[in-house]
């Protein structure tokens, strides 16, 4: 079971509680939470106690690069026209995180 969280803040304990409940309900053998952000310490502690795998921003980038080793994040960022993409929550233009700037 995989839960994806696209947040601009750290993912908290609630997400871990949700996937633990879902894992028990659906009798899943394994559960992961994947995010474009990071996790709070509380979330990491609860996940560890319940064998929930957490994939944060840095691990996600590493996994993508493992699958597509010839494409660097900076190259992808260079091809994206940010004016074509708006934040679904606030409607403002998206920005590239400083780590991946052109």
PDB file of N, CA and C in Angstrom:
ATOM      1  N   UNK A   1       0.843  -1.142   0.000  1.00  0.00           N
ATOM      2  CA  UNK A   1       0.000   0.000   0.000  1.00  0.00           C
ATOM      3  C   UNK A   1       0.904   1.225   0.000  1.00  0.00           C
ATOM      4  N   UNK A   2       0.580   2.191  -0.862  1.00  0.00           N
ATOM      5  CA  UNK A   2       1.370   3.419  -0.950  1.00  0.00           C
ATOM      6  C   UNK A   2       0.452   4.621  -0.804  1.00  0.00           C
ATOM      7  N   UNK A   3       0.870   5.543   0.034  1.00  0.00           N
ATOM      8  CA  UNK A   3       0.155   6.799   0.200  1.00  0.00           C
ATOM      9  C   UNK A   3       1.097   7.904  -0.273  1.00  0.00           C
ATOM     10  N   UNK A   4       0.642   8.727  -1.195  1.00  0.00           N
ATOM     11  CA  UNK A   4       1.455   9.830  -1.717  1.00  0.00           C
ATOM     12  C   UNK A   4       0.979  11.136  -1.099  1.00  0.00           C
ATOM     13  N   UNK A   5       1.934  11.921  -0.615  1.00  0.00           N
ATOM     14  CA  UNK A   5       1.625  13.211   0.000  1.00  0.00           C
ATOM     15  C   UNK A   5       2.436  14.288  -0.710  1.00  0.00           C
ATOM     16  N   UNK A   6       1.738  15.176  -1.387  1.00  0.00           N
ATOM     17  CA  UNK A   6       2.383  16.295  -2.076  1.00  0.00           C
ATOM     18  C   UNK A   6       2.156  17.539  -1.223  1.00  0.00           C
ATOM     19  N   UNK A   7       3.109  17.818  -0.366  1.00  0.00           N
ATOM     20  CA  UNK A   7       2.972  18.894   0.612  1.00  0.00           C
ATOM     21  C   UNK A   7       4.070  19.933   0.431  1.00  0.00           C
ATOM     22  N   UNK A   8       3.786  21.149   0.876  1.00  0.00           N
ATOM     23  CA  UNK A   8       4.829  22.168   0.935  1.00  0.00           C
ATOM     24  C   UNK A   8       5.293  22.338   2.380  1.00  0.00           C
ATOM     25  N   UNK A   9       4.785  21.480   3.269  1.00  0.00           N
ATOM     26  CA  UNK A   9       5.239  21.436   4.658  1.00  0.00           C
ATOM     27  C   UNK A   9       5.603  19.988   4.968  1.00  0.00           C
ATOM     28  N   UNK A  10       6.231  19.770   6.110  1.00  0.00           N
ATOM     29  CA  UNK A  10       6.594  18.404   6.485  1.00  0.00           C
ATOM     30  C   UNK A  10       5.345  17.566   6.757  1.00  0.00           C
ATOM     31  N   UNK A  11       5.410  16.308   6.389  1.00  0.00           N
ATOM     32  CA  UNK A  11       4.303  15.374   6.591  1.00  0.00           C
ATOM     33  C   UNK A  11       4.311  14.951   8.056  1.00  0.00           C
ATOM     34  N   UNK A  12       3.153  15.054   8.699  1.00  0.00           N
ATOM     35  CA  UNK A  12       3.060  14.779  10.125  1.00  0.00           C
ATOM     36  C   UNK A  12       2.537  13.401  10.458  1.00  0.00           C
ATOM     37  N   UNK A  13       2.309  13.221  11.729  1.00  0.00           N
ATOM     38  CA  UNK A  13       1.910  11.928  12.285  1.00  0.00           C
ATOM     39  C   UNK A  13       0.564  11.435  11.752  1.00  0.00           C
ATOM     40  N   UNK A  14      -0.324  12.368  11.388  1.00  0.00           N
ATOM     41  CA  UNK A  14      -1.662  11.996  10.894  1.00  0.00           C
ATOM     42  C   UNK A  14      -1.566  11.084   9.664  1.00  0.00           C
ATOM     43  N   UNK A  15      -0.649  11.377   8.761  1.00  0.00           N
ATOM     44  CA  UNK A  15      -0.490  10.549   7.558  1.00  0.00           C
ATOM     45  C   UNK A  15      -0.083   9.128   7.927  1.00  0.00           C
ATOM     46  N   UNK A  16       0.776   8.999   8.916  1.00  0.00           N
ATOM     47  CA  UNK A  16       1.213   7.670   9.353  1.00  0.00           C
ATOM     48  C   UNK A  16       0.053   6.932  10.017  1.00  0.00           C
ATOM     49  N   UNK A  17      -0.715   7.637  10.834  1.00  0.00           N
ATOM     50  CA  UNK A  17      -1.883   7.022  11.465  1.00  0.00           C
ATOM     51  C   UNK A  17      -2.863   6.530  10.406  1.00  0.00           C
ATOM     52  N   UNK A  18      -3.060   7.320   9.365  1.00  0.00           N
ATOM     53  CA  UNK A  18      -3.985   6.931   8.289  1.00  0.00           C
ATOM     54  C   UNK A  18      -3.536   5.657   7.595  1.00  0.00           C
ATOM     55  N   UNK A  19      -2.249   5.568   7.294  1.00  0.00           N
ATOM     56  CA  UNK A  19      -1.797   4.388   6.540  1.00  0.00           C
ATOM     57  C   UNK A  19      -1.760   3.147   7.427  1.00  0.00           C
ATOM     58  N   UNK A  20      -1.494   3.331   8.709  1.00  0.00           N
ATOM     59  CA  UNK A  20      -1.541   2.185   9.628  1.00  0.00           C
ATOM     60  C   UNK A  20      -2.970   1.641   9.690  1.00  0.00           C
ATOM     61  N   UNK A  21      -3.940   2.528   9.803  1.00  0.00           N
ATOM     62  CA  UNK A  21      -5.347   2.105   9.831  1.00  0.00           C
ATOM     63  C   UNK A  21      -5.726   1.415   8.522  1.00  0.00           C
ATOM     64  N   UNK A  22      -5.319   1.988   7.399  1.00  0.00           N
ATOM     65  CA  UNK A  22      -5.639   1.403   6.089  1.00  0.00           C
ATOM     66  C   UNK A  22      -4.957   0.051   5.922  1.00  0.00           C
ATOM     67  N   UNK A  23      -3.713  -0.039   6.374  1.00  0.00           N
ATOM     68  CA  UNK A  23      -2.984  -1.297   6.256  1.00  0.00           C
ATOM     69  C   UNK A  23      -3.706  -2.402   7.034  1.00  0.00           C
ATOM     70  N   UNK A  24      -4.161  -2.081   8.218  1.00  0.00           N
ATOM     71  CA  UNK A  24      -4.890  -3.074   9.013  1.00  0.00           C
ATOM     72  C   UNK A  24      -6.235  -3.419   8.383  1.00  0.00           C
ATOM     73  N   UNK A  25      -6.946  -2.427   7.914  1.00  0.00           N
ATOM     74  CA  UNK A  25      -8.267  -2.648   7.317  1.00  0.00           C
ATOM     75  C   UNK A  25      -8.181  -3.506   6.055  1.00  0.00           C
ATOM     76  N   UNK A  26      -7.226  -3.163   5.168  1.00  0.00           N
ATOM     77  CA  UNK A  26      -7.095  -3.869   3.892  1.00  0.00           C
ATOM     78  C   UNK A  26      -6.162  -5.075   3.960  1.00  0.00           C
ATOM     79  N   UNK A  27      -5.596  -5.311   5.138  1.00  0.00           N
ATOM     80  CA  UNK A  27      -4.691  -6.442   5.362  1.00  0.00           C
ATOM     81  C   UNK A  27      -3.493  -6.408   4.393  1.00  0.00           C
ATOM     82  N   UNK A  28      -2.960  -5.216   4.193  1.00  0.00           N
ATOM     83  CA  UNK A  28      -1.795  -5.041   3.313  1.00  0.00           C
ATOM     84  C   UNK A  28      -0.551  -5.603   4.003  1.00  0.00           C
ATOM     85  N   UNK A  29       0.346  -6.134   3.221  1.00  0.00           N
ATOM     86  CA  UNK A  29       1.572  -6.716   3.760  1.00  0.00           C
ATOM     87  C   UNK A  29       2.639  -5.662   4.040  1.00  0.00           C
ATOM     88  N   UNK A  30       2.547  -4.543   3.353  1.00  0.00           N
ATOM     89  CA  UNK A  30       3.565  -3.506   3.473  1.00  0.00           C
ATOM     90  C   UNK A  30       2.919  -2.158   3.185  1.00  0.00           C
ATOM     91  N   UNK A  31       3.454  -1.111   3.799  1.00  0.00           N
ATOM     92  CA  UNK A  31       2.927   0.220   3.508  1.00  0.00           C
ATOM     93  C   UNK A  31       4.052   1.244   3.455  1.00  0.00           C
ATOM     94  N   UNK A  32       3.875   2.187   2.531  1.00  0.00           N
ATOM     95  CA  UNK A  32       4.839   3.259   2.307  1.00  0.00           C
ATOM     96  C   UNK A  32       4.096   4.586   2.271  1.00  0.00           C
ATOM     97  N   UNK A  33       4.803   5.635   2.689  1.00  0.00           N
ATOM     98  CA  UNK A  33       4.336   6.995   2.459  1.00  0.00           C
ATOM     99  C   UNK A  33       5.441   7.687   1.673  1.00  0.00           C
ATOM    100  N   UNK A  34       5.070   8.261   0.540  1.00  0.00           N
ATOM    101  CA  UNK A  34       6.025   8.941  -0.341  1.00  0.00           C
ATOM    102  C   UNK A  34       5.639  10.414  -0.394  1.00  0.00           C
ATOM    103  N   UNK A  35       6.632  11.291  -0.257  1.00  0.00           N
ATOM    104  CA  UNK A  35       6.341  12.723  -0.288  1.00  0.00           C
ATOM    105  C   UNK A  35       7.405  13.494  -1.062  1.00  0.00           C
ATOM    106  N   UNK A  36       6.997  14.646  -1.543  1.00  0.00           N
ATOM    107  CA  UNK A  36       7.928  15.572  -2.178  1.00  0.00           C
ATOM    108  C   UNK A  36       8.532  16.494  -1.108  1.00  0.00           C
ATOM    109  N   UNK A  37       8.208  16.234   0.142  1.00  0.00           N
ATOM    110  CA  UNK A  37       8.665  17.042   1.264  1.00  0.00           C
ATOM    111  C   UNK A  37       9.464  16.153   2.214  1.00  0.00           C
ATOM    112  N   UNK A  38       9.326  16.407   3.506  1.00  0.00           N
ATOM    113  CA  UNK A  38      10.027  15.631   4.527  1.00  0.00           C
ATOM    114  C   UNK A  38       9.023  15.243   5.612  1.00  0.00           C
ATOM    115  N   UNK A  39       9.459  14.497   6.610  1.00  0.00           N
ATOM    116  CA  UNK A  39       8.587  14.011   7.666  1.00  0.00           C
ATOM    117  C   UNK A  39       8.963  14.632   9.013  1.00  0.00           C
ATOM    118  N   UNK A  40       7.956  14.837   9.860  1.00  0.00           N
ATOM    119  CA  UNK A  40       8.228  15.299  11.216  1.00  0.00           C
ATOM    120  C   UNK A  40       8.851  14.147  12.006  1.00  0.00           C
ATOM    121  N   UNK A  41       9.499  14.484  13.106  1.00  0.00           N
ATOM    122  CA  UNK A  41      10.100  13.451  13.953  1.00  0.00           C
ATOM    123  C   UNK A  41       9.029  12.522  14.507  1.00  0.00           C
ATOM    124  N   UNK A  42       7.866  13.065  14.878  1.00  0.00           N
ATOM    125  CA  UNK A  42       6.767  12.223  15.377  1.00  0.00           C
ATOM    126  C   UNK A  42       6.323  11.216  14.328  1.00  0.00           C
ATOM    127  N   UNK A  43       6.225  11.668  13.082  1.00  0.00           N
ATOM    128  CA  UNK A  43       5.830  10.766  11.996  1.00  0.00           C
ATOM    129  C   UNK A  43       6.871   9.668  11.823  1.00  0.00           C
ATOM    130  N   UNK A  44       8.139  10.041  11.870  1.00  0.00           N
ATOM    131  CA  UNK A  44       9.213   9.044  11.706  1.00  0.00           C
ATOM    132  C   UNK A  44       9.195   8.032  12.847  1.00  0.00           C
ATOM    133  N   UNK A  45       8.950   8.492  14.062  1.00  0.00           N
ATOM    134  CA  UNK A  45       8.915   7.584  15.212  1.00  0.00           C
ATOM    135  C   UNK A  45       7.767   6.586  15.103  1.00  0.00           C
ATOM    136  N   UNK A  46       6.574   7.071  14.763  1.00  0.00           N
ATOM    137  CA  UNK A  46       5.418   6.179  14.637  1.00  0.00           C
ATOM    138  C   UNK A  46       5.595   5.216  13.468  1.00  0.00           C
ATOM    139  N   UNK A  47       6.130   5.704  12.370  1.00  0.00           N
ATOM    140  CA  UNK A  47       6.365   4.847  11.204  1.00  0.00           C
ATOM    141  C   UNK A  47       7.337   3.718  11.549  1.00  0.00           C
ATOM    142  N   UNK A  48       8.397   4.069  12.242  1.00  0.00           N
ATOM    143  CA  UNK A  48       9.392   3.060  12.624  1.00  0.00           C
ATOM    144  C   UNK A  48       8.772   1.997  13.533  1.00  0.00           C
ATOM    145  N   UNK A  49       7.948   2.428  14.484  1.00  0.00           N
ATOM    146  CA  UNK A  49       7.317   1.497  15.423  1.00  0.00           C
ATOM    147  C   UNK A  49       6.323   0.565  14.738  1.00  0.00           C
ATOM    148  N   UNK A  50       5.841   0.959  13.545  1.00  0.00           N
ATOM    149  CA  UNK A  50       4.827   0.170  12.839  1.00  0.00           C
ATOM    150  C   UNK A  50       5.297  -0.351  11.482  1.00  0.00           C
ATOM    151  N   UNK A  51       6.593  -0.311  11.248  1.00  0.00           N
ATOM    152  CA  UNK A  51       7.184  -0.821  10.002  1.00  0.00           C
ATOM    153  C   UNK A  51       6.600  -0.160   8.751  1.00  0.00           C
ATOM    154  N   UNK A  52       6.329   1.124   8.829  1.00  0.00           N
ATOM    155  CA  UNK A  52       5.879   1.889   7.666  1.00  0.00           C
ATOM    156  C   UNK A  52       7.113   2.508   7.032  1.00  0.00           C
ATOM    157  N   UNK A  53       7.298   2.281   5.748  1.00  0.00           N
ATOM    158  CA  UNK A  53       8.453   2.824   5.017  1.00  0.00           C
ATOM    159  C   UNK A  53       8.148   4.258   4.615  1.00  0.00           C
ATOM    160  N   UNK A  54       9.053   5.180   4.958  1.00  0.00           N
ATOM    161  CA  UNK A  54       8.897   6.578   4.594  1.00  0.00           C
ATOM    162  C   UNK A  54       9.898   6.944   3.509  1.00  0.00           C
ATOM    163  N   UNK A  55       9.422   7.556   2.434  1.00  0.00           N
ATOM    164  CA  UNK A  55      10.262   8.021   1.335  1.00  0.00           C
ATOM    165  C   UNK A  55      10.116   9.537   1.274  1.00  0.00           C
ATOM    166  N   UNK A  56      11.188  10.257   1.635  1.00  0.00           N
ATOM    167  CA  UNK A  56      11.117  11.717   1.609  1.00  0.00           C
ATOM    168  C   UNK A  56      11.624  12.252   0.269  1.00  0.00           C
ATOM    169  N   UNK A  57      11.681  13.567   0.165  1.00  0.00           N
ATOM    170  CA  UNK A  57      12.065  14.242  -1.079  1.00  0.00           C
ATOM    171  C   UNK A  57      13.399  13.728  -1.632  1.00  0.00           C
ATOM    172  N   UNK A  58      14.405  13.657  -0.786  1.00  0.00           N
ATOM    173  CA  UNK A  58      15.731  13.243  -1.242  1.00  0.00           C
ATOM    174  C   UNK A  58      15.735  11.791  -1.712  1.00  0.00           C
ATOM    175  N   UNK A  59      15.036  10.924  -0.982  1.00  0.00           N
ATOM    176  CA  UNK A  59      14.954   9.521  -1.387  1.00  0.00           C
ATOM    177  C   UNK A  59      14.155   9.363  -2.673  1.00  0.00           C
ATOM    178  N   UNK A  60      13.118  10.174  -2.841  1.00  0.00           N
ATOM    179  CA  UNK A  60      12.308  10.134  -4.057  1.00  0.00           C
ATOM    180  C   UNK A  60      13.136  10.533  -5.266  1.00  0.00           C
ATOM    181  N   UNK A  61      13.917  11.595  -5.128  1.00  0.00           N
ATOM    182  CA  UNK A  61      14.804  12.017  -6.220  1.00  0.00           C
ATOM    183  C   UNK A  61      15.785  10.897  -6.552  1.00  0.00           C
ATOM    184  N   UNK A  62      16.349  10.263  -5.531  1.00  0.00           N
ATOM    185  CA  UNK A  62      17.293   9.166  -5.753  1.00  0.00           C
ATOM    186  C   UNK A  62      16.634   8.006  -6.492  1.00  0.00           C
ATOM    187  N   UNK A  63      15.382   7.686  -6.130  1.00  0.00           N
ATOM    188  CA  UNK A  63      14.672   6.603  -6.816  1.00  0.00           C
ATOM    189  C   UNK A  63      14.393   6.956  -8.274  1.00  0.00           C
ATOM    190  N   UNK A  64      13.997   8.203  -8.510  1.00  0.00           N
ATOM    191  CA  UNK A  64      13.736   8.637  -9.888  1.00  0.00           C
ATOM    192  C   UNK A  64      15.012   8.565 -10.705  1.00  0.00           C
ATOM    193  N   UNK A  65      16.122   9.011 -10.129  1.00  0.00           N
ATOM    194  CA  UNK A  65      17.401   8.981 -10.849  1.00  0.00           C
ATOM    195  C   UNK A  65      17.885   7.550 -11.083  1.00  0.00           C
ATOM    196  N   UNK A  66      17.497   6.647 -10.214  1.00  0.00           N
ATOM    197  CA  UNK A  66      17.850   5.238 -10.397  1.00  0.00           C
ATOM    198  C   UNK A  66      17.143   4.675 -11.633  1.00  0.00           C
ATOM    199  N   UNK A  67      15.897   5.082 -11.823  1.00  0.00           N
ATOM    200  CA  UNK A  67      15.098   4.626 -12.958  1.00  0.00           C
ATOM    201  C   UNK A  67      15.499   5.371 -14.230  1.00  0.00           C
ATOM    202  N   UNK A  68      15.794   6.665 -14.097  1.00  0.00           N
ATOM    203  CA  UNK A  68      16.173   7.512 -15.230  1.00  0.00           C
ATOM    204  C   UNK A  68      17.533   8.148 -14.959  1.00  0.00           C
ATOM    205  N   UNK A  69      18.614   7.365 -15.014  1.00  0.00           N
ATOM    206  CA  UNK A  69      19.934   7.888 -14.636  1.00  0.00           C
ATOM    207  C   UNK A  69      20.475   8.981 -15.556  1.00  0.00           C
ATOM    208  N   UNK A  70      19.946   9.090 -16.751  1.00  0.00           N
ATOM    209  CA  UNK A  70      20.465  10.075 -17.706  1.00  0.00           C
ATOM    210  C   UNK A  70      19.764  11.427 -17.620  1.00  0.00           C
ATOM    211  N   UNK A  71      18.791  11.536 -16.732  1.00  0.00           N
ATOM    212  CA  UNK A  71      18.062  12.791 -16.616  1.00  0.00           C
ATOM    213  C   UNK A  71      18.276  13.351 -15.210  1.00  0.00           C
ATOM    214  N   UNK A  72      18.939  14.480 -15.133  1.00  0.00           N
ATOM    215  CA  UNK A  72      19.188  15.125 -13.849  1.00  0.00           C
ATOM    216  C   UNK A  72      18.045  16.080 -13.518  1.00  0.00           C
ATOM    217  N   UNK A  73      17.763  16.299 -12.234  1.00  0.00           N
ATOM    218  CA  UNK A  73      16.689  17.227 -11.853  1.00  0.00           C
ATOM    219  C   UNK A  73      16.849  18.608 -12.475  1.00  0.00           C
ATOM    220  N   UNK A  74      18.071  19.093 -12.596  1.00  0.00           N
ATOM    221  CA  UNK A  74      18.286  20.409 -13.193  1.00  0.00           C
ATOM    222  C   UNK A  74      17.857  20.419 -14.658  1.00  0.00           C
ATOM    223  N   UNK A  75      18.071  19.312 -15.365  1.00  0.00           N
ATOM    224  CA  UNK A  75      17.659  19.219 -16.766  1.00  0.00           C
ATOM    225  C   UNK A  75      16.135  19.217 -16.872  1.00  0.00           C
ATOM    226  N   UNK A  76      15.489  18.501 -15.986  1.00  0.00           N
ATOM    227  CA  UNK A  76      14.030  18.472 -15.986  1.00  0.00           C
ATOM    228  C   UNK A  76      13.501  19.863 -15.672  1.00  0.00           C
ATOM    229  N   UNK A  77      14.066  20.503 -14.661  1.00  0.00           N
ATOM    230  CA  UNK A  77      13.625  21.846 -14.269  1.00  0.00           C
ATOM    231  C   UNK A  77      13.771  22.830 -15.419  1.00  0.00           C
ATOM    232  N   UNK A  78      14.809  22.668 -16.219  1.00  0.00           N
ATOM    233  CA  UNK A  78      15.048  23.587 -17.337  1.00  0.00           C
ATOM    234  C   UNK A  78      13.979  23.463 -18.416  1.00  0.00           C
ATOM    235  N   UNK A  79      13.296  22.329 -18.478  1.00  0.00           N
ATOM    236  CA  UNK A  79      12.289  22.114 -19.518  1.00  0.00           C
ATOM    237  C   UNK A  79      10.891  22.526 -19.087  1.00  0.00           C
ATOM    238  N   UNK A  80      10.728  22.856 -17.815  1.00  0.00           N
ATOM    239  CA  UNK A  80       9.404  23.181 -17.291  1.00  0.00           C
ATOM    240  C   UNK A  80       9.156  24.688 -17.362  1.00  0.00           C
ATOM    241  N   UNK A  81       8.054  25.051 -17.993  1.00  0.00           N
ATOM    242  CA  UNK A  81       7.636  26.446 -18.011  1.00  0.00           C
ATOM    243  C   UNK A  81       6.709  26.651 -16.818  1.00  0.00           C
ATOM    244  N   UNK A  82       7.226  27.302 -15.786  1.00  0.00           N
ATOM    245  CA  UNK A  82       6.463  27.442 -14.546  1.00  0.00           C
ATOM    246  C   UNK A  82       5.190  28.251 -14.724  1.00  0.00           C
ATOM    247  N   UNK A  83       5.146  29.102 -15.730  1.00  0.00           N
ATOM    248  CA  UNK A  83       3.947  29.908 -15.958  1.00  0.00           C
ATOM    249  C   UNK A  83       2.767  29.047 -16.398  1.00  0.00           C
ATOM    250  N   UNK A  84       3.062  27.832 -16.886  1.00  0.00           N
ATOM    251  CA  UNK A  84       2.005  26.918 -17.318  1.00  0.00           C
ATOM    252  C   UNK A  84       1.410  26.119 -16.159  1.00  0.00           C
ATOM    253  N   UNK A  85       1.998  26.229 -14.971  1.00  0.00           N
ATOM    254  CA  UNK A  85       1.578  25.402 -13.841  1.00  0.00           C
ATOM    255  C   UNK A  85       1.230  26.275 -12.637  1.00  0.00           C
ATOM    256  N   UNK A  86       0.048  26.044 -12.087  1.00  0.00           N
ATOM    257  CA  UNK A  86      -0.386  26.795 -10.918  1.00  0.00           C
ATOM    258  C   UNK A  86      -0.586  25.859  -9.737  1.00  0.00           C
ATOM    259  N   UNK A  87      -0.392  26.384  -8.557  1.00  0.00           N
ATOM    260  CA  UNK A  87      -0.632  25.625  -7.334  1.00  0.00           C
ATOM    261  C   UNK A  87      -2.126  25.320  -7.244  1.00  0.00           C
ATOM    262  N   UNK A  88      -2.489  24.047  -7.060  1.00  0.00           N
ATOM    263  CA  UNK A  88      -3.910  23.704  -6.980  1.00  0.00           C
ATOM    264  C   UNK A  88      -4.597  24.259  -5.738  1.00  0.00           C
ATOM    265  N   UNK A  89      -3.827  24.602  -4.716  1.00  0.00           N
ATOM    266  CA  UNK A  89      -4.432  25.113  -3.485  1.00  0.00           C
ATOM    267  C   UNK A  89      -4.633  26.616  -3.520  1.00  0.00           C
ATOM    268  N   UNK A  90      -3.570  27.362  -3.891  1.00  0.00           N
ATOM    269  CA  UNK A  90      -3.666  28.824  -3.790  1.00  0.00           C
ATOM    270  C   UNK A  90      -3.754  29.528  -5.148  1.00  0.00           C
ATOM    271  N   UNK A  91      -3.465  28.811  -6.241  1.00  0.00           N
ATOM    272  CA  UNK A  91      -3.563  29.392  -7.571  1.00  0.00           C
ATOM    273  C   UNK A  91      -2.363  30.201  -8.011  1.00  0.00           C
ATOM    274  N   UNK A  92      -1.329  30.287  -7.181  1.00  0.00           N
ATOM    275  CA  UNK A  92      -0.136  31.045  -7.573  1.00  0.00           C
ATOM    276  C   UNK A  92       0.793  30.172  -8.412  1.00  0.00           C
ATOM    277  N   UNK A  93       1.745  30.819  -9.081  1.00  0.00           N
ATOM    278  CA  UNK A  93       2.706  30.088  -9.906  1.00  0.00           C
ATOM    279  C   UNK A  93       3.570  29.181  -9.039  1.00  0.00           C
ATOM    280  N   UNK A  94       3.913  28.031  -9.581  1.00  0.00           N
ATOM    281  CA  UNK A  94       4.815  27.127  -8.892  1.00  0.00           C
ATOM    282  C   UNK A  94       6.237  27.656  -8.987  1.00  0.00           C
ATOM    283  N   UNK A  95       7.073  27.208  -8.063  1.00  0.00           N
ATOM    284  CA  UNK A  95       8.491  27.604  -8.071  1.00  0.00           C
ATOM    285  C   UNK A  95       9.345  26.350  -7.977  1.00  0.00           C
ATOM    286  N   UNK A  96      10.551  26.447  -8.470  1.00  0.00           N
ATOM    287  CA  UNK A  96      11.504  25.344  -8.355  1.00  0.00           C
ATOM    288  C   UNK A  96      12.257  25.522  -7.059  1.00  0.00           C
ATOM    289  N   UNK A  97      12.344  24.463  -6.279  1.00  0.00           N
ATOM    290  CA  UNK A  97      13.073  24.500  -5.014  1.00  0.00           C
ATOM    291  C   UNK A  97      14.517  24.923  -5.290  1.00  0.00           C
ATOM    292  N   UNK A  98      15.127  25.682  -4.387  1.00  0.00           N
ATOM    293  CA  UNK A  98      16.503  26.176  -4.606  1.00  0.00           C
ATOM    294  C   UNK A  98      17.497  25.091  -4.965  1.00  0.00           C
ATOM    295  N   UNK A  99      17.345  23.917  -4.403  1.00  0.00           N
ATOM    296  CA  UNK A  99      18.274  22.810  -4.658  1.00  0.00           C
ATOM    297  C   UNK A  99      18.299  22.418  -6.148  1.00  0.00           C
ATOM    298  N   UNK A 100      17.192  22.666  -6.864  1.00  0.00           N
ATOM    299  CA  UNK A 100      17.059  22.210  -8.240  1.00  0.00           C
ATOM    300  C   UNK A 100      16.972  23.350  -9.233  1.00  0.00           C
ATOM    301  N   UNK A 101      17.349  24.542  -8.837  1.00  0.00           N
ATOM    302  CA  UNK A 101      17.277  25.696  -9.740  1.00  0.00           C
ATOM    303  C   UNK A 101      18.171  25.479 -10.945  1.00  0.00           C
ATOM    304  N   UNK A 102      17.810  26.139 -12.057  1.00  0.00           N
ATOM    305  CA  UNK A 102      18.541  26.033 -13.316  1.00  0.00           C
ATOM    306  C   UNK A 102      19.939  26.608 -13.180  1.00  0.00           C
TER     307      UNK A 102
END
